[in-house]
Amino acid sequence: MELFAGLLPVLFLMLGDAPSLHLKEYERLQGVWVVRSAEYCFALADNDSPVGSTFTFEGKHVTISHWGRVYTVEINPSARPKEMDLVRLVDDAGNKEAELCIYEIDETQLKIRFGGYREKHGYCLTWRPADFTNPRQPNLTYVLERRKH
């Protein structure tokens, strides 16, 4: 037990500001974000545009109005580009779906790029995009603006 207690300070030094970085990043995400533009690698029906819909971040959850779904948000703000996983239950058996994304955020804008997918329980993403610029990667990119009060 003494050995473990002695290792705690070392562990915190190794982690540095990682816990506080995550908390600060979650704080930056909080609130309502409005979709201002959306880019797809596939065609959408005219009535299926998400522009004007919202992403509402509350704690570690986000409600995406266009999809009518609530996700648990897991972030890695230390990664380059920053990583965001949106996870939700898809059935009563406890199966989950994870939307693997990258993101950029500043005070007024949030940009999220979703990865490629395969069909399983409707819609299940299987890889994370490497960046925001590669046109060869199938993707879905939303540019959101923080709702002003």
C-alpha atoms as a PDB file:
ATOM      1  CA  MET A   1       0.000   0.000   0.000  1.00  0.00           C
ATOM      2  CA  GLU A   2       2.897   2.372   0.794  1.00  0.00           C
ATOM      3  CA  LEU A   3       4.355   1.682  -2.632  1.00  0.00           C
ATOM      4  CA  PHE A   4       1.062   2.661  -4.297  1.00  0.00           C
ATOM      5  CA  ALA A   5       0.804   5.856  -2.240  1.00  0.00           C
ATOM      6  CA  GLY A   6       4.347   6.751  -3.253  1.00  0.00           C
ATOM      7  CA  LEU A   7       3.526   6.254  -6.925  1.00  0.00           C
ATOM      8  CA  LEU A   8       0.531   8.602  -6.943  1.00  0.00           C
ATOM      9  CA  PRO A   9       2.570  11.830  -7.177  1.00  0.00           C
ATOM     10  CA  VAL A  10       4.620  10.293 -10.001  1.00  0.00           C
ATOM     11  CA  LEU A  11       1.447   9.316 -11.837  1.00  0.00           C
ATOM     12  CA  PHE A  12       0.042  12.850 -11.573  1.00  0.00           C
ATOM     13  CA  LEU A  13       3.323  14.294 -12.842  1.00  0.00           C
ATOM     14  CA  MET A  14       3.220  11.896 -15.812  1.00  0.00           C
ATOM     15  CA  LEU A  15      -0.377  12.852 -16.591  1.00  0.00           C
ATOM     16  CA  GLY A  16       0.381  16.538 -16.287  1.00  0.00           C
ATOM     17  CA  ASP A  17      -2.684  18.628 -16.977  1.00  0.00           C
ATOM     18  CA  ALA A  18      -4.553  15.849 -18.810  1.00  0.00           C
ATOM     19  CA  PRO A  19      -7.533  15.709 -16.394  1.00  0.00           C
ATOM     20  CA  SER A  20      -7.878  19.507 -16.268  1.00  0.00           C
ATOM     21  CA  LEU A  21      -7.408  19.742 -20.054  1.00  0.00           C
ATOM     22  CA  HIS A  22     -10.327  17.332 -20.534  1.00  0.00           C
ATOM     23  CA  LEU A  23     -12.506  19.275 -18.080  1.00  0.00           C
ATOM     24  CA  LYS A  24     -11.716  22.583 -19.771  1.00  0.00           C
ATOM     25  CA  GLU A  25     -12.485  21.101 -23.173  1.00  0.00           C
ATOM     26  CA  TYR A  26     -15.837  19.718 -21.983  1.00  0.00           C
ATOM     27  CA  GLU A  27     -16.596  23.207 -20.600  1.00  0.00           C
ATOM     28  CA  ARG A  28     -15.823  24.755 -24.010  1.00  0.00           C
ATOM     29  CA  LEU A  29     -18.310  22.387 -25.681  1.00  0.00           C
ATOM     30  CA  GLN A  30     -21.209  23.168 -23.324  1.00  0.00           C
ATOM     31  CA  GLY A  31     -24.288  24.863 -24.715  1.00  0.00           C
ATOM     32  CA  VAL A  32     -26.240  24.949 -27.948  1.00  0.00           C
ATOM     33  CA  TRP A  33     -24.473  24.880 -31.308  1.00  0.00           C
ATOM     34  CA  VAL A  34     -26.357  25.524 -34.566  1.00  0.00           C
ATOM     35  CA  VAL A  35     -25.397  23.748 -37.808  1.00  0.00           C
ATOM     36  CA  ARG A  36     -24.430  26.444 -40.337  1.00  0.00           C
ATOM     37  CA  SER A  37     -23.114  24.144 -43.071  1.00  0.00           C
ATOM     38  CA  ALA A  38     -22.803  20.468 -43.835  1.00  0.00           C
ATOM     39  CA  GLU A  39     -20.614  18.699 -46.391  1.00  0.00           C
ATOM     40  CA  TYR A  40     -21.301  15.110 -47.381  1.00  0.00           C
ATOM     41  CA  CYS A  41     -19.572  12.601 -49.597  1.00  0.00           C
ATOM     42  CA  PHE A  42     -23.036  11.349 -50.605  1.00  0.00           C
ATOM     43  CA  ALA A  43     -26.223  12.965 -51.892  1.00  0.00           C
ATOM     44  CA  LEU A  44     -28.956  14.043 -49.498  1.00  0.00           C
ATOM     45  CA  ALA A  45     -32.655  14.372 -50.154  1.00  0.00           C
ATOM     46  CA  ASP A  46     -33.642  18.042 -50.362  1.00  0.00           C
ATOM     47  CA  ASN A  47     -35.643  17.802 -47.152  1.00  0.00           C
ATOM     48  CA  ASP A  48     -32.822  16.098 -45.213  1.00  0.00           C
ATOM     49  CA  SER A  49     -30.495  19.071 -44.743  1.00  0.00           C
ATOM     50  CA  PRO A  50     -29.268  19.457 -41.163  1.00  0.00           C
ATOM     51  CA  VAL A  51     -28.613  23.206 -41.562  1.00  0.00           C
ATOM     52  CA  GLY A  52     -30.351  25.025 -38.716  1.00  0.00           C
ATOM     53  CA  SER A  53     -30.513  21.931 -36.491  1.00  0.00           C
ATOM     54  CA  THR A  54     -28.700  21.887 -33.148  1.00  0.00           C
ATOM     55  CA  PHE A  55     -26.126  19.998 -31.130  1.00  0.00           C
ATOM     56  CA  THR A  56     -26.827  20.616 -27.429  1.00  0.00           C
ATOM     57  CA  PHE A  57     -23.943  19.666 -25.123  1.00  0.00           C
ATOM     58  CA  GLU A  58     -24.837  19.110 -21.454  1.00  0.00           C
ATOM     59  CA  GLY A  59     -22.113  17.603 -19.296  1.00  0.00           C
ATOM     60  CA  LYS A  60     -20.785  14.573 -21.164  1.00  0.00           C
ATOM     61  CA  HIS A  61     -23.872  14.198 -23.366  1.00  0.00           C
ATOM     62  CA  VAL A  62     -24.979  15.745 -26.637  1.00  0.00           C
ATOM     63  CA  THR A  63     -28.449  15.820 -28.156  1.00  0.00           C
ATOM     64  CA  ILE A  64     -28.399  16.071 -31.959  1.00  0.00           C
ATOM     65  CA  SER A  65     -31.779  17.440 -33.006  1.00  0.00           C
ATOM     66  CA  HIS A  66     -31.523  16.458 -36.677  1.00  0.00           C
ATOM     67  CA  TRP A  67     -30.985  12.812 -35.759  1.00  0.00           C
ATOM     68  CA  GLY A  68     -33.271  12.828 -32.720  1.00  0.00           C
ATOM     69  CA  ARG A  69     -30.597  11.076 -30.656  1.00  0.00           C
ATOM     70  CA  VAL A  70     -28.659  11.556 -27.434  1.00  0.00           C
ATOM     71  CA  TYR A  71     -25.021  10.437 -27.273  1.00  0.00           C
ATOM     72  CA  THR A  72     -22.399  10.145 -24.573  1.00  0.00           C
ATOM     73  CA  VAL A  73     -19.417  12.296 -25.567  1.00  0.00           C
ATOM     74  CA  GLU A  74     -15.870  11.009 -25.097  1.00  0.00           C
ATOM     75  CA  ILE A  75     -13.078  13.394 -26.108  1.00  0.00           C
ATOM     76  CA  ASN A  76      -9.313  13.356 -26.477  1.00  0.00           C
ATOM     77  CA  PRO A  77      -8.268  17.011 -26.741  1.00  0.00           C
ATOM     78  CA  SER A  78      -4.576  16.032 -26.617  1.00  0.00           C
ATOM     79  CA  ALA A  79      -4.772  14.198 -29.966  1.00  0.00           C
ATOM     80  CA  ARG A  80      -3.933  16.022 -33.197  1.00  0.00           C
ATOM     81  CA  PRO A  81      -6.476  16.476 -34.613  1.00  0.00           C
ATOM     82  CA  LYS A  82      -8.675  16.429 -31.524  1.00  0.00           C
ATOM     83  CA  GLU A  83     -10.848  13.307 -31.222  1.00  0.00           C
ATOM     84  CA  MET A  84     -14.498  12.965 -30.251  1.00  0.00           C
ATOM     85  CA  ASP A  85     -16.496   9.736 -29.929  1.00  0.00           C
ATOM     86  CA  LEU A  86     -20.285   9.889 -29.804  1.00  0.00           C
ATOM     87  CA  VAL A  87     -21.570   6.683 -28.211  1.00  0.00           C
ATOM     88  CA  ARG A  88     -25.147   5.443 -27.816  1.00  0.00           C
ATOM     89  CA  LEU A  89     -27.014   2.241 -27.034  1.00  0.00           C
ATOM     90  CA  VAL A  90     -28.702   0.753 -30.090  1.00  0.00           C
ATOM     91  CA  ASP A  91     -30.788  -2.017 -28.533  1.00  0.00           C
ATOM     92  CA  ASP A  92     -31.961  -3.543 -25.268  1.00  0.00           C
ATOM     93  CA  ALA A  93     -29.084  -6.060 -25.318  1.00  0.00           C
ATOM     94  CA  GLY A  94     -26.601  -3.279 -24.554  1.00  0.00           C
ATOM     95  CA  ASN A  95     -25.026  -3.086 -28.020  1.00  0.00           C
ATOM     96  CA  LYS A  96     -23.432   0.281 -28.684  1.00  0.00           C
ATOM     97  CA  GLU A  97     -22.693   2.387 -31.709  1.00  0.00           C
ATOM     98  CA  ALA A  98     -19.785   4.806 -31.796  1.00  0.00           C
ATOM     99  CA  GLU A  99     -19.501   7.735 -34.181  1.00  0.00           C
ATOM    100  CA  LEU A 100     -15.743   8.328 -34.461  1.00  0.00           C
ATOM    101  CA  CYS A 101     -14.968  11.970 -35.196  1.00  0.00           C
ATOM    102  CA  ILE A 102     -12.332  14.658 -35.215  1.00  0.00           C
ATOM    103  CA  TYR A 103     -13.100  18.220 -34.190  1.00  0.00           C
ATOM    104  CA  GLU A 104     -11.841  21.794 -33.938  1.00  0.00           C
ATOM    105  CA  ILE A 105     -13.290  24.376 -31.580  1.00  0.00           C
ATOM    106  CA  ASP A 106     -12.862  28.042 -30.795  1.00  0.00           C
ATOM    107  CA  GLU A 107     -15.089  30.498 -28.932  1.00  0.00           C
ATOM    108  CA  THR A 108     -17.727  30.765 -31.670  1.00  0.00           C
ATOM    109  CA  GLN A 109     -17.267  27.803 -34.040  1.00  0.00           C
ATOM    110  CA  LEU A 110     -17.212  24.009 -33.742  1.00  0.00           C
ATOM    111  CA  LYS A 111     -16.243  21.841 -36.695  1.00  0.00           C
ATOM    112  CA  ILE A 112     -16.877  18.086 -36.547  1.00  0.00           C
ATOM    113  CA  ARG A 113     -15.886  15.532 -39.182  1.00  0.00           C
ATOM    114  CA  PHE A 114     -17.356  12.036 -38.938  1.00  0.00           C
ATOM    115  CA  GLY A 115     -15.576   8.962 -40.298  1.00  0.00           C
ATOM    116  CA  GLY A 116     -16.598   6.173 -42.649  1.00  0.00           C
ATOM    117  CA  TYR A 117     -19.216   3.658 -41.694  1.00  0.00           C
ATOM    118  CA  ARG A 118     -20.571   0.195 -42.194  1.00  0.00           C
ATOM    119  CA  GLU A 119     -24.096  -0.997 -41.656  1.00  0.00           C
ATOM    120  CA  LYS A 120     -24.774  -2.635 -38.306  1.00  0.00           C
ATOM    121  CA  HIS A 121     -27.854  -1.833 -36.286  1.00  0.00           C
ATOM    122  CA  GLY A 122     -28.642   0.838 -38.837  1.00  0.00           C
ATOM    123  CA  TYR A 123     -25.565   3.064 -38.762  1.00  0.00           C
ATOM    124  CA  CYS A 124     -22.212   2.254 -37.207  1.00  0.00           C
ATOM    125  CA  LEU A 125     -18.965   4.116 -37.801  1.00  0.00           C
ATOM    126  CA  THR A 126     -15.800   2.079 -37.896  1.00  0.00           C
ATOM    127  CA  TRP A 127     -12.902   4.499 -38.427  1.00  0.00           C
ATOM    128  CA  ARG A 128     -11.845   8.028 -37.549  1.00  0.00           C
ATOM    129  CA  PRO A 129     -10.839  10.550 -40.255  1.00  0.00           C
ATOM    130  CA  ALA A 130      -7.184  11.574 -40.266  1.00  0.00           C
ATOM    131  CA  ASP A 131      -7.819  15.253 -41.030  1.00  0.00           C
ATOM    132  CA  PHE A 132     -10.328  17.771 -42.378  1.00  0.00           C
ATOM    133  CA  THR A 133      -8.854  18.057 -45.855  1.00  0.00           C
ATOM    134  CA  ASN A 134      -8.595  14.584 -47.418  1.00  0.00           C
ATOM    135  CA  PRO A 135     -11.304  14.418 -50.126  1.00  0.00           C
ATOM    136  CA  ARG A 136     -10.706  10.682 -50.647  1.00  0.00           C
ATOM    137  CA  GLN A 137     -12.021   9.787 -47.189  1.00  0.00           C
ATOM    138  CA  PRO A 138     -15.783   9.335 -47.106  1.00  0.00           C
ATOM    139  CA  ASN A 139     -17.035  11.821 -44.594  1.00  0.00           C
ATOM    140  CA  LEU A 140     -19.660  14.045 -43.151  1.00  0.00           C
ATOM    141  CA  THR A 141     -18.484  17.453 -41.911  1.00  0.00           C
ATOM    142  CA  TYR A 142     -20.597  19.879 -39.888  1.00  0.00           C
ATOM    143  CA  VAL A 143     -19.649  23.478 -39.162  1.00  0.00           C
ATOM    144  CA  LEU A 144     -21.560  24.748 -36.133  1.00  0.00           C
ATOM    145  CA  GLU A 145     -21.847  28.163 -34.543  1.00  0.00           C
ATOM    146  CA  ARG A 146     -22.440  28.761 -30.845  1.00  0.00           C
ATOM    147  CA  ARG A 147     -25.988  30.013 -30.277  1.00  0.00           C
ATOM    148  CA  LYS A 148     -25.975  33.529 -28.911  1.00  0.00           C
ATOM    149  CA  HIS A 149     -28.189  34.134 -25.890  1.00  0.00           C
END
